[in-house]
C-alpha atoms as a PDB file:
ATOM      1  CA  MET A   1       0.000   0.000   0.000  1.00  0.00           C
ATOM      2  CA  PHE A   2       2.825   2.380   0.887  1.00  0.00           C
ATOM      3  CA  LEU A   3       4.570   1.645  -2.412  1.00  0.00           C
ATOM      4  CA  LEU A   4       1.407   2.432  -4.368  1.00  0.00           C
ATOM      5  CA  ILE A   5       0.962   5.753  -2.557  1.00  0.00           C
ATOM      6  CA  ALA A   6       4.619   6.665  -3.095  1.00  0.00           C
ATOM      7  CA  SER A   7       4.422   5.787  -6.779  1.00  0.00           C
ATOM      8  CA  GLY A   8       1.290   7.904  -7.167  1.00  0.00           C
ATOM      9  CA  GLY A   9       2.982  10.845  -5.473  1.00  0.00           C
ATOM     10  CA  LEU A  10       6.010  10.573  -7.736  1.00  0.00           C
ATOM     11  CA  LEU A  11       3.794  10.493 -10.805  1.00  0.00           C
ATOM     12  CA  LEU A  12       1.939  13.583  -9.656  1.00  0.00           C
ATOM     13  CA  PHE A  13       4.963  15.679  -8.690  1.00  0.00           C
ATOM     14  CA  TYR A  14       7.416  14.590 -11.430  1.00  0.00           C
ATOM     15  CA  ARG A  15       4.977  14.208 -14.298  1.00  0.00           C
ATOM     16  CA  GLU A  16       6.371  17.161 -16.271  1.00  0.00           C
ATOM     17  CA  ALA A  17       9.947  15.993 -15.862  1.00  0.00           C
ATOM     18  CA  MET A  18       9.039  12.499 -17.020  1.00  0.00           C
ATOM     19  CA  LEU A  19       7.131  13.860 -20.016  1.00  0.00           C
ATOM     20  CA  GLN A  20      10.115  16.012 -20.945  1.00  0.00           C
ATOM     21  CA  ARG A  21      12.500  13.040 -20.747  1.00  0.00           C
ATOM     22  CA  ILE A  22      10.143  10.878 -22.832  1.00  0.00           C
ATOM     23  CA  THR A  23       9.880  13.676 -25.411  1.00  0.00           C
ATOM     24  CA  GLU A  24      13.669  13.982 -25.571  1.00  0.00           C
ATOM     25  CA  VAL A  25      14.007  10.241 -26.182  1.00  0.00           C
ATOM     26  CA  ILE A  26      11.358  10.268 -28.920  1.00  0.00           C
ATOM     27  CA  ASN A  27      12.559  13.513 -30.555  1.00  0.00           C
ATOM     28  CA  PRO A  28      16.237  14.296 -29.770  1.00  0.00           C
ATOM     29  CA  GLN A  29      16.011  17.622 -31.628  1.00  0.00           C
ATOM     30  CA  VAL A  30      13.881  19.016 -28.810  1.00  0.00           C
ATOM     31  CA  LYS A  31      16.796  18.689 -26.414  1.00  0.00           C
ATOM     32  CA  SER A  32      19.206  20.435 -28.766  1.00  0.00           C
ATOM     33  CA  LYS A  33      16.664  23.144 -29.384  1.00  0.00           C
ATOM     34  CA  SER A  34      16.211  23.766 -25.680  1.00  0.00           C
ATOM     35  CA  LEU A  35      19.987  23.789 -25.254  1.00  0.00           C
ATOM     36  CA  MET A  36      20.414  26.360 -28.026  1.00  0.00           C
ATOM     37  CA  THR A  37      17.609  28.418 -26.538  1.00  0.00           C
ATOM     38  CA  SER A  38      19.286  28.400 -23.142  1.00  0.00           C
ATOM     39  CA  ILE A  39      22.601  29.384 -24.705  1.00  0.00           C
ATOM     40  CA  GLN A  40      20.976  32.268 -26.547  1.00  0.00           C
ATOM     41  CA  GLU A  41      19.193  33.367 -23.380  1.00  0.00           C
ATOM     42  CA  SER A  42      22.456  33.252 -21.424  1.00  0.00           C
ATOM     43  CA  GLY A  43      24.123  35.290 -24.166  1.00  0.00           C
ATOM     44  CA  LEU A  44      21.394  37.896 -23.944  1.00  0.00           C
ATOM     45  CA  SER A  45      21.721  38.036 -20.173  1.00  0.00           C
ATOM     46  CA  ILE A  46      25.483  38.489 -20.435  1.00  0.00           C
ATOM     47  CA  GLY A  47      24.897  41.264 -22.950  1.00  0.00           C
ATOM     48  CA  ASN A  48      22.465  42.966 -20.565  1.00  0.00           C
ATOM     49  CA  VAL A  49      24.957  42.744 -17.718  1.00  0.00           C
ATOM     50  CA  MET A  50      27.841  44.017 -19.857  1.00  0.00           C
ATOM     51  CA  GLU A  51      25.710  46.896 -21.108  1.00  0.00           C
ATOM     52  CA  HIS A  52      26.105  48.618 -17.735  1.00  0.00           C
ATOM     53  CA  PHE A  53      29.904  48.295 -17.869  1.00  0.00           C
ATOM     54  CA  GLN A  54      30.387  49.277 -21.502  1.00  0.00           C
ATOM     55  CA  ASN A  55      28.905  52.736 -20.849  1.00  0.00           C
ATOM     56  CA  VAL A  56      31.949  53.529 -18.685  1.00  0.00           C
ATOM     57  CA  ILE A  57      34.287  53.677 -21.708  1.00  0.00           C
ATOM     58  CA  PRO A  58      33.960  56.801 -23.884  1.00  0.00           C
ATOM     59  CA  LYS A  59      33.770  55.933 -27.570  1.00  0.00           C
ATOM     60  CA  SER A  60      32.838  57.556 -30.847  1.00  0.00           C
ATOM     61  CA  GLN A  61      30.532  56.234 -33.525  1.00  0.00           C
ATOM     62  CA  ALA A  62      33.435  55.686 -35.912  1.00  0.00           C
ATOM     63  CA  GLU A  63      35.270  53.593 -33.307  1.00  0.00           C
ATOM     64  CA  VAL A  64      32.147  51.543 -32.644  1.00  0.00           C
ATOM     65  CA  SER A  65      31.789  50.887 -36.393  1.00  0.00           C
ATOM     66  CA  VAL A  66      35.396  49.683 -36.638  1.00  0.00           C
ATOM     67  CA  VAL A  67      34.998  47.408 -33.617  1.00  0.00           C
ATOM     68  CA  GLN A  68      31.731  46.032 -34.973  1.00  0.00           C
ATOM     69  CA  GLN A  69      33.400  45.242 -38.294  1.00  0.00           C
ATOM     70  CA  ARG A  70      36.221  43.444 -36.475  1.00  0.00           C
ATOM     71  CA  LEU A  71      33.698  41.452 -34.454  1.00  0.00           C
ATOM     72  CA  ILE A  72      31.913  40.442 -37.660  1.00  0.00           C
ATOM     73  CA  ARG A  73      35.225  39.313 -39.166  1.00  0.00           C
ATOM     74  CA  ALA A  74      35.803  37.224 -36.044  1.00  0.00           C
ATOM     75  CA  GLY A  75      32.385  35.593 -36.508  1.00  0.00           C
ATOM     76  CA  PHE A  76      30.409  37.464 -33.821  1.00  0.00           C
ATOM     77  CA  ARG A  77      27.316  38.954 -35.453  1.00  0.00           C
ATOM     78  CA  GLU A  78      25.075  39.190 -32.394  1.00  0.00           C
ATOM     79  CA  ASP A  79      23.905  42.582 -31.193  1.00  0.00           C
ATOM     80  CA  SER A  80      25.265  41.853 -27.726  1.00  0.00           C
ATOM     81  CA  ALA A  81      28.804  41.171 -29.017  1.00  0.00           C
ATOM     82  CA  ILE A  82      29.873  44.814 -28.989  1.00  0.00           C
ATOM     83  CA  LYS A  83      28.415  45.247 -25.489  1.00  0.00           C
ATOM     84  CA  VAL A  84      30.320  42.222 -24.230  1.00  0.00           C
ATOM     85  CA  PHE A  85      33.520  43.484 -25.884  1.00  0.00           C
ATOM     86  CA  TYR A  86      33.429  46.944 -24.316  1.00  0.00           C
ATOM     87  CA  GLY A  87      32.199  45.510 -21.039  1.00  0.00           C
ATOM     88  CA  SER A  88      35.149  43.103 -20.949  1.00  0.00           C
ATOM     89  CA  LYS A  89      37.537  46.068 -21.296  1.00  0.00           C
ATOM     90  CA  VAL A  90      36.175  47.202 -17.916  1.00  0.00           C
ATOM     91  CA  VAL A  91      35.657  43.852 -16.197  1.00  0.00           C
ATOM     92  CA  VAL A  92      38.985  42.216 -17.117  1.00  0.00           C
ATOM     93  CA  PRO A  93      41.199  44.968 -15.602  1.00  0.00           C
ATOM     94  CA  VAL A  94      39.149  44.856 -12.401  1.00  0.00           C
ATOM     95  CA  LEU A  95      39.466  41.069 -12.200  1.00  0.00           C
ATOM     96  CA  LEU A  96      43.213  41.188 -12.827  1.00  0.00           C
ATOM     97  CA  SER A  97      43.662  43.861 -10.154  1.00  0.00           C
ATOM     98  CA  ALA A  98      41.590  41.818  -7.712  1.00  0.00           C
ATOM     99  CA  ALA A  99      43.633  38.701  -8.494  1.00  0.00           C
ATOM    100  CA  ALA A 100      46.866  40.630  -7.930  1.00  0.00           C
ATOM    101  CA  ALA A 101      45.565  41.955  -4.606  1.00  0.00           C
ATOM    102  CA  VAL A 102      44.368  38.545  -3.395  1.00  0.00           C
ATOM    103  CA  SER A 103      47.523  36.697  -4.456  1.00  0.00           C
ATOM    104  CA  GLY A 104      49.776  39.237  -2.730  1.00  0.00           C
ATOM    105  CA  LEU A 105      51.580  40.160  -5.932  1.00  0.00           C
ATOM    106  CA  ALA A 106      50.583  43.808  -5.534  1.00  0.00           C
ATOM    107  CA  SER A 107      52.598  44.075  -2.314  1.00  0.00           C
ATOM    108  CA  LEU A 108      55.870  43.931  -4.264  1.00  0.00           C
ATOM    109  CA  SER A 109      55.268  47.134  -6.221  1.00  0.00           C
ATOM    110  CA  PRO A 110      51.651  48.305  -6.016  1.00  0.00           C
ATOM    111  CA  PHE A 111      51.822  51.058  -8.633  1.00  0.00           C
ATOM    112  CA  PHE A 112      53.653  48.930 -11.229  1.00  0.00           C
ATOM    113  CA  VAL A 113      51.513  45.818 -10.677  1.00  0.00           C
ATOM    114  CA  TYR A 114      48.191  47.664 -10.805  1.00  0.00           C
ATOM    115  CA  ALA A 115      49.306  49.649 -13.846  1.00  0.00           C
ATOM    116  CA  CYS A 116      50.217  46.431 -15.652  1.00  0.00           C
ATOM    117  CA  CYS A 117      46.913  44.821 -14.659  1.00  0.00           C
ATOM    118  CA  LEU A 118      44.908  47.786 -15.896  1.00  0.00           C
ATOM    119  CA  GLY A 119      46.881  48.086 -19.136  1.00  0.00           C
ATOM    120  CA  LEU A 120      46.855  44.371 -19.950  1.00  0.00           C
ATOM    121  CA  GLY A 121      43.192  44.055 -18.997  1.00  0.00           C
ATOM    122  CA  PHE A 122      42.208  46.988 -21.194  1.00  0.00           C
ATOM    123  CA  LEU A 123      44.248  45.864 -24.218  1.00  0.00           C
ATOM    124  CA  GLY A 124      43.671  42.125 -23.716  1.00  0.00           C
ATOM    125  CA  PRO A 125      40.289  41.971 -25.490  1.00  0.00           C
ATOM    126  CA  ASP A 126      41.775  43.750 -28.514  1.00  0.00           C
ATOM    127  CA  PHE A 127      44.627  41.249 -28.777  1.00  0.00           C
ATOM    128  CA  TRP A 128      42.207  38.348 -28.279  1.00  0.00           C
ATOM    129  CA  LEU A 129      39.896  39.678 -30.983  1.00  0.00           C
ATOM    130  CA  GLY A 130      42.797  40.167 -33.378  1.00  0.00           C
ATOM    131  CA  ARG A 131      43.897  36.589 -32.738  1.00  0.00           C
ATOM    132  CA  LYS A 132      40.383  35.310 -33.431  1.00  0.00           C
ATOM    133  CA  ILE A 133      40.242  37.256 -36.709  1.00  0.00           C
ATOM    134  CA  THR A 134      43.606  35.882 -37.821  1.00  0.00           C
ATOM    135  CA  ASN A 135      42.633  32.292 -37.013  1.00  0.00           C
ATOM    136  CA  ARG A 136      39.295  32.601 -38.767  1.00  0.00           C
ATOM    137  CA  GLN A 137      40.839  34.172 -41.857  1.00  0.00           C
ATOM    138  CA  GLY A 138      43.402  31.377 -41.952  1.00  0.00           C
ATOM    139  CA  LYS A 139      40.668  28.736 -41.817  1.00  0.00           C
ATOM    140  CA  ILE A 140      38.763  30.497 -44.597  1.00  0.00           C
ATOM    141  CA  ARG A 141      41.889  30.749 -46.726  1.00  0.00           C
ATOM    142  CA  ARG A 142      42.762  27.080 -46.267  1.00  0.00           C
ATOM    143  CA  GLY A 143      39.215  25.882 -46.914  1.00  0.00           C
ATOM    144  CA  LEU A 144      38.535  27.997 -49.982  1.00  0.00           C
ATOM    145  CA  PRO A 145      40.055  25.570 -52.571  1.00  0.00           C
ATOM    146  CA  ASP A 146      37.836  22.703 -51.352  1.00  0.00           C
ATOM    147  CA  VAL A 147      34.765  24.933 -51.504  1.00  0.00           C
ATOM    148  CA  LEU A 148      35.688  26.018 -55.019  1.00  0.00           C
ATOM    149  CA  ASP A 149      36.002  22.389 -56.122  1.00  0.00           C
ATOM    150  CA  LEU A 150      32.490  21.591 -54.919  1.00  0.00           C
ATOM    151  CA  LEU A 151      31.185  24.790 -56.512  1.00  0.00           C
ATOM    152  CA  ILE A 152      32.707  23.744 -59.840  1.00  0.00           C
ATOM    153  CA  ILE A 153      31.134  20.272 -59.569  1.00  0.00           C
ATOM    154  CA  CYS A 154      27.705  21.743 -58.801  1.00  0.00           C
ATOM    155  CA  ILE A 155      27.900  24.292 -61.627  1.00  0.00           C
ATOM    156  CA  GLU A 156      29.056  21.714 -64.149  1.00  0.00           C
ATOM    157  CA  ALA A 157      26.189  19.462 -63.012  1.00  0.00           C
ATOM    158  CA  GLY A 158      23.720  22.098 -64.192  1.00  0.00           C
ATOM    159  CA  LEU A 159      23.069  24.226 -61.117  1.00  0.00           C
ATOM    160  CA  SER A 160      23.228  27.987 -61.171  1.00  0.00           C
ATOM    161  CA  LEU A 161      25.774  29.881 -59.102  1.00  0.00           C
ATOM    162  CA  ASP A 162      23.191  30.717 -56.431  1.00  0.00           C
ATOM    163  CA  GLN A 163      21.988  27.127 -56.142  1.00  0.00           C
ATOM    164  CA  ALA A 164      25.568  25.828 -56.175  1.00  0.00           C
ATOM    165  CA  THR A 165      26.490  28.231 -53.366  1.00  0.00           C
ATOM    166  CA  ALA A 166      23.571  27.070 -51.215  1.00  0.00           C
ATOM    167  CA  ARG A 167      24.322  23.388 -51.877  1.00  0.00           C
ATOM    168  CA  THR A 168      28.021  23.842 -51.115  1.00  0.00           C
ATOM    169  CA  ALA A 169      27.241  25.641 -47.854  1.00  0.00           C
ATOM    170  CA  GLN A 170      25.003  22.733 -46.819  1.00  0.00           C
ATOM    171  CA  GLU A 171      27.397  19.949 -47.809  1.00  0.00           C
ATOM    172  CA  LEU A 172      30.617  21.351 -46.305  1.00  0.00           C
ATOM    173  CA  VAL A 173      29.189  22.799 -43.110  1.00  0.00           C
ATOM    174  CA  GLN A 174      31.004  20.170 -41.012  1.00  0.00           C
ATOM    175  CA  ALA A 175      34.354  20.371 -42.827  1.00  0.00           C
ATOM    176  CA  GLN A 176      34.514  24.145 -43.365  1.00  0.00           C
ATOM    177  CA  PRO A 177      32.083  25.756 -40.894  1.00  0.00           C
ATOM    178  CA  GLU A 178      33.519  29.283 -41.080  1.00  0.00           C
ATOM    179  CA  LEU A 179      33.421  29.635 -44.850  1.00  0.00           C
ATOM    180  CA  CYS A 180      30.061  27.853 -45.153  1.00  0.00           C
ATOM    181  CA  ASP A 181      28.631  30.233 -42.571  1.00  0.00           C
ATOM    182  CA  GLU A 182      29.676  33.176 -44.729  1.00  0.00           C
ATOM    183  CA  LEU A 183      28.275  31.518 -47.846  1.00  0.00           C
ATOM    184  CA  MET A 184      24.936  31.004 -46.117  1.00  0.00           C
ATOM    185  CA  VAL A 185      24.853  34.739 -45.385  1.00  0.00           C
ATOM    186  CA  VAL A 186      25.417  35.342 -49.102  1.00  0.00           C
ATOM    187  CA  VAL A 187      22.530  33.003 -49.939  1.00  0.00           C
ATOM    188  CA  LEU A 188      20.222  34.702 -47.432  1.00  0.00           C
ATOM    189  CA  GLU A 189      21.099  38.150 -48.774  1.00  0.00           C
ATOM    190  CA  GLN A 190      20.311  37.037 -52.327  1.00  0.00           C
ATOM    191  CA  ARG A 191      17.005  35.520 -51.219  1.00  0.00           C
ATOM    192  CA  ALA A 192      16.173  38.806 -49.517  1.00  0.00           C
ATOM    193  CA  GLY A 193      16.491  40.581 -52.875  1.00  0.00           C
ATOM    194  CA  ARG A 194      20.038  41.923 -52.858  1.00  0.00           C
ATOM    195  CA  ALA A 195      21.991  41.772 -56.105  1.00  0.00           C
ATOM    196  CA  ARG A 196      24.457  38.928 -56.544  1.00  0.00           C
ATOM    197  CA  ALA A 197      27.454  41.211 -57.009  1.00  0.00           C
ATOM    198  CA  ASP A 198      26.621  43.195 -53.866  1.00  0.00           C
ATOM    199  CA  SER A 199      26.191  40.002 -51.827  1.00  0.00           C
ATOM    200  CA  TRP A 200      29.592  38.686 -52.878  1.00  0.00           C
ATOM    201  CA  LYS A 201      31.214  42.075 -52.264  1.00  0.00           C
ATOM    202  CA  ASN A 202      29.758  42.044 -48.753  1.00  0.00           C
ATOM    203  CA  LEU A 203      31.345  38.618 -48.301  1.00  0.00           C
ATOM    204  CA  ALA A 204      34.753  40.087 -49.143  1.00  0.00           C
ATOM    205  CA  GLU A 205      34.210  42.949 -46.699  1.00  0.00           C
ATOM    206  CA  ARG A 206      33.063  40.644 -43.889  1.00  0.00           C
ATOM    207  CA  THR A 207      35.991  38.261 -44.172  1.00  0.00           C
ATOM    208  CA  GLY A 208      38.736  40.764 -45.014  1.00  0.00           C
ATOM    209  CA  GLU A 209      40.703  37.973 -46.733  1.00  0.00           C
ATOM    210  CA  ASP A 210      42.662  38.773 -49.908  1.00  0.00           C
ATOM    211  CA  SER A 211      41.915  35.428 -51.541  1.00  0.00           C
ATOM    212  CA  VAL A 212      38.170  36.000 -51.066  1.00  0.00           C
ATOM    213  CA  ARG A 213      38.521  39.512 -52.499  1.00  0.00           C
ATOM    214  CA  ASN A 214      40.234  38.117 -55.579  1.00  0.00           C
ATOM    215  CA  LEU A 215      37.517  35.492 -55.946  1.00  0.00           C
ATOM    216  CA  VAL A 216      34.753  38.079 -55.681  1.00  0.00           C
ATOM    217  CA  SER A 217      36.391  40.352 -58.246  1.00  0.00           C
ATOM    218  CA  MET A 218      36.782  37.429 -60.640  1.00  0.00           C
ATOM    219  CA  LEU A 219      33.133  36.413 -60.192  1.00  0.00           C
ATOM    220  CA  VAL A 220      31.926  39.973 -60.771  1.00  0.00           C
ATOM    221  CA  GLN A 221      34.039  40.304 -63.913  1.00  0.00           C
ATOM    222  CA  SER A 222      32.880  36.915 -65.141  1.00  0.00           C
ATOM    223  CA  GLU A 223      29.255  37.955 -64.682  1.00  0.00           C
ATOM    224  CA  GLN A 224      29.812  41.263 -66.435  1.00  0.00           C
ATOM    225  CA  PHE A 225      31.659  39.856 -69.457  1.00  0.00           C
ATOM    226  CA  GLY A 226      29.673  36.611 -69.699  1.00  0.00           C
ATOM    227  CA  THR A 227      32.605  34.200 -69.397  1.00  0.00           C
ATOM    228  CA  SER A 228      32.357  30.690 -67.976  1.00  0.00           C
ATOM    229  CA  ILE A 229      32.057  30.753 -64.172  1.00  0.00           C
ATOM    230  CA  ALA A 230      33.220  27.146 -63.788  1.00  0.00           C
ATOM    231  CA  LYS A 231      36.399  27.849 -65.742  1.00  0.00           C
ATOM    232  CA  THR A 232      37.019  30.997 -63.725  1.00  0.00           C
ATOM    233  CA  LEU A 233      36.613  29.126 -60.447  1.00  0.00           C
ATOM    234  CA  ARG A 234      38.900  26.315 -61.620  1.00  0.00           C
ATOM    235  CA  VAL A 235      41.656  28.739 -62.579  1.00  0.00           C
ATOM    236  CA  HIS A 236      41.329  30.547 -59.265  1.00  0.00           C
ATOM    237  CA  GLY A 237      41.399  27.278 -57.301  1.00  0.00           C
ATOM    238  CA  ASP A 238      44.550  26.117 -59.103  1.00  0.00           C
ATOM    239  CA  SER A 239      46.252  29.444 -58.448  1.00  0.00           C
ATOM    240  CA  MET A 240      45.340  29.235 -54.761  1.00  0.00           C
ATOM    241  CA  ARG A 241      46.799  25.753 -54.454  1.00  0.00           C
ATOM    242  CA  THR A 242      49.978  26.945 -56.167  1.00  0.00           C
ATOM    243  CA  LYS A 243      50.235  29.846 -53.730  1.00  0.00           C
ATOM    244  CA  ARG A 244      49.705  27.490 -50.800  1.00  0.00           C
ATOM    245  CA  VAL A 245      52.518  25.215 -51.986  1.00  0.00           C
ATOM    246  CA  GLN A 246      54.771  28.223 -52.463  1.00  0.00           C
ATOM    247  CA  ALA A 247      53.946  29.461 -48.962  1.00  0.00           C
ATOM    248  CA  VAL A 248      54.883  26.064 -47.511  1.00  0.00           C
ATOM    249  CA  GLU A 249      58.148  26.049 -49.443  1.00  0.00           C
ATOM    250  CA  GLU A 250      58.884  29.556 -48.201  1.00  0.00           C
ATOM    251  CA  GLN A 251      58.318  28.510 -44.609  1.00  0.00           C
ATOM    252  CA  ALA A 252      60.562  25.475 -45.123  1.00  0.00           C
ATOM    253  CA  ALA A 253      63.311  27.694 -46.532  1.00  0.00           C
ATOM    254  CA  LYS A 254      63.116  29.993 -43.506  1.00  0.00           C
ATOM    255  CA  THR A 255      63.751  27.165 -41.059  1.00  0.00           C
ATOM    256  CA  THR A 256      67.495  27.106 -41.813  1.00  0.00           C
ATOM    257  CA  ILE A 257      67.814  30.747 -40.743  1.00  0.00           C
ATOM    258  CA  LYS A 258      65.542  30.308 -37.728  1.00  0.00           C
ATOM    259  CA  LEU A 259      67.660  27.388 -36.502  1.00  0.00           C
ATOM    260  CA  ILE A 260      70.739  29.609 -36.167  1.00  0.00           C
ATOM    261  CA  PHE A 261      69.661  31.109 -32.843  1.00  0.00           C
ATOM    262  CA  PRO A 262      68.875  27.769 -31.096  1.00  0.00           C
ATOM    263  CA  LEU A 263      72.142  26.356 -32.419  1.00  0.00           C
ATOM    264  CA  VAL A 264      74.236  29.278 -31.173  1.00  0.00           C
ATOM    265  CA  PHE A 265      72.598  29.749 -27.780  1.00  0.00           C
ATOM    266  CA  PHE A 266      71.655  26.176 -26.793  1.00  0.00           C
ATOM    267  CA  ILE A 267      73.347  23.452 -28.869  1.00  0.00           C
ATOM    268  CA  PHE A 268      76.837  24.921 -29.432  1.00  0.00           C
ATOM    269  CA  PRO A 269      77.490  25.712 -25.720  1.00  0.00           C
ATOM    270  CA  ALA A 270      76.548  22.160 -24.738  1.00  0.00           C
ATOM    271  CA  LEU A 271      78.737  20.770 -27.550  1.00  0.00           C
ATOM    272  CA  PHE A 272      81.698  22.920 -26.492  1.00  0.00           C
ATOM    273  CA  LEU A 273      81.212  21.856 -22.886  1.00  0.00           C
ATOM    274  CA  VAL A 274      81.259  18.164 -23.795  1.00  0.00           C
ATOM    275  CA  THR A 275      84.201  18.349 -26.189  1.00  0.00           C
ATOM    276  CA  LEU A 276      86.419  20.951 -24.480  1.00  0.00           C
ATOM    277  CA  GLY A 277      85.417  20.313 -20.860  1.00  0.00           C
ATOM    278  CA  PRO A 278      87.760  17.335 -20.209  1.00  0.00           C
ATOM    279  CA  ALA A 279      90.673  19.094 -21.891  1.00  0.00           C
ATOM    280  CA  VAL A 280      90.162  22.205 -19.757  1.00  0.00           C
ATOM    281  CA  ILE A 281      90.028  20.082 -16.600  1.00  0.00           C
ATOM    282  CA  MET A 282      93.260  18.271 -17.536  1.00  0.00           C
ATOM    283  CA  MET A 283      94.994  21.560 -18.321  1.00  0.00           C
ATOM    284  CA  ALA A 284      93.865  23.028 -14.999  1.00  0.00           C
ATOM    285  CA  GLU A 285      95.206  20.010 -13.087  1.00  0.00           C
ATOM    286  CA  SER A 286      98.522  20.184 -14.985  1.00  0.00           C
ATOM    287  CA  PHE A 287      98.958  23.903 -14.207  1.00  0.00           C
ATOM    288  CA  LYS A 288      98.037  23.222 -10.587  1.00  0.00           C
ATOM    289  CA  GLN A 289     100.721  20.542 -10.269  1.00  0.00           C
ATOM    290  CA  PHE A 290     103.282  22.757 -12.052  1.00  0.00           C
ATOM    291  CA  LEU A 291     102.588  25.702  -9.779  1.00  0.00           C
ATOM    292  CA  SER A 292     102.691  23.542  -6.658  1.00  0.00           C
ATOM    293  CA  LYS A 293     106.261  22.501  -7.516  1.00  0.00           C
END
């Protein structure tokens, strides 16, 4: 009797939780959707919190536009990204100063330590954002030849450039997420009614990558003069692969010069110590015996 009452109570109080778990088992997408919703809500809450801190820093509209463009190139298109960025330029110095005070590091030289914490905390987000932009541009540059190959295959199969772009963005989203994300923005802009040339030019501005700029200029010229787009893409892909091989060869050629400093400062002293050390010891003992006589 007690077990029946307990089971009934559990069913009454945990019915919603059980229904949610059953729904997640039947439809796993519901769980991912709720997870994405929670992530977006947490992002909005962080943006609301950072909004109070970002008002502390004076900034002009031109500076905000430059920072927003850099955030877009790093892949942050949310409205709260600029609030989080400027808020972090206030929060990070405070956290570093608090860490220096708690750890006792500030007792060595308070003015120098706090000045370094404030300076590094204020400039840290800029360096981090620049690093993110560089990494993302590198991934886009390395993944562009593969995307061009699939574009050529789709165009030669009979698809238009717009359809080929959408299909390529769907197929390579796991292998090249950064570039496919930008291509999906191009597709959405074209579906919204923007001209094809303007959409591709916006792609070049968002990425800030020279190889993408060259691709966009070639596509615009090909559309204007009526030349074959597949042939244009193939030529551009081959030239990009050639440049990548040349860049690797250049890096390999620089290694001989870069190895000079480790050889001089680390390997040669150890080699001299091993080879000349016993001789120096023997000479010192010989001079010691000679002087003792």
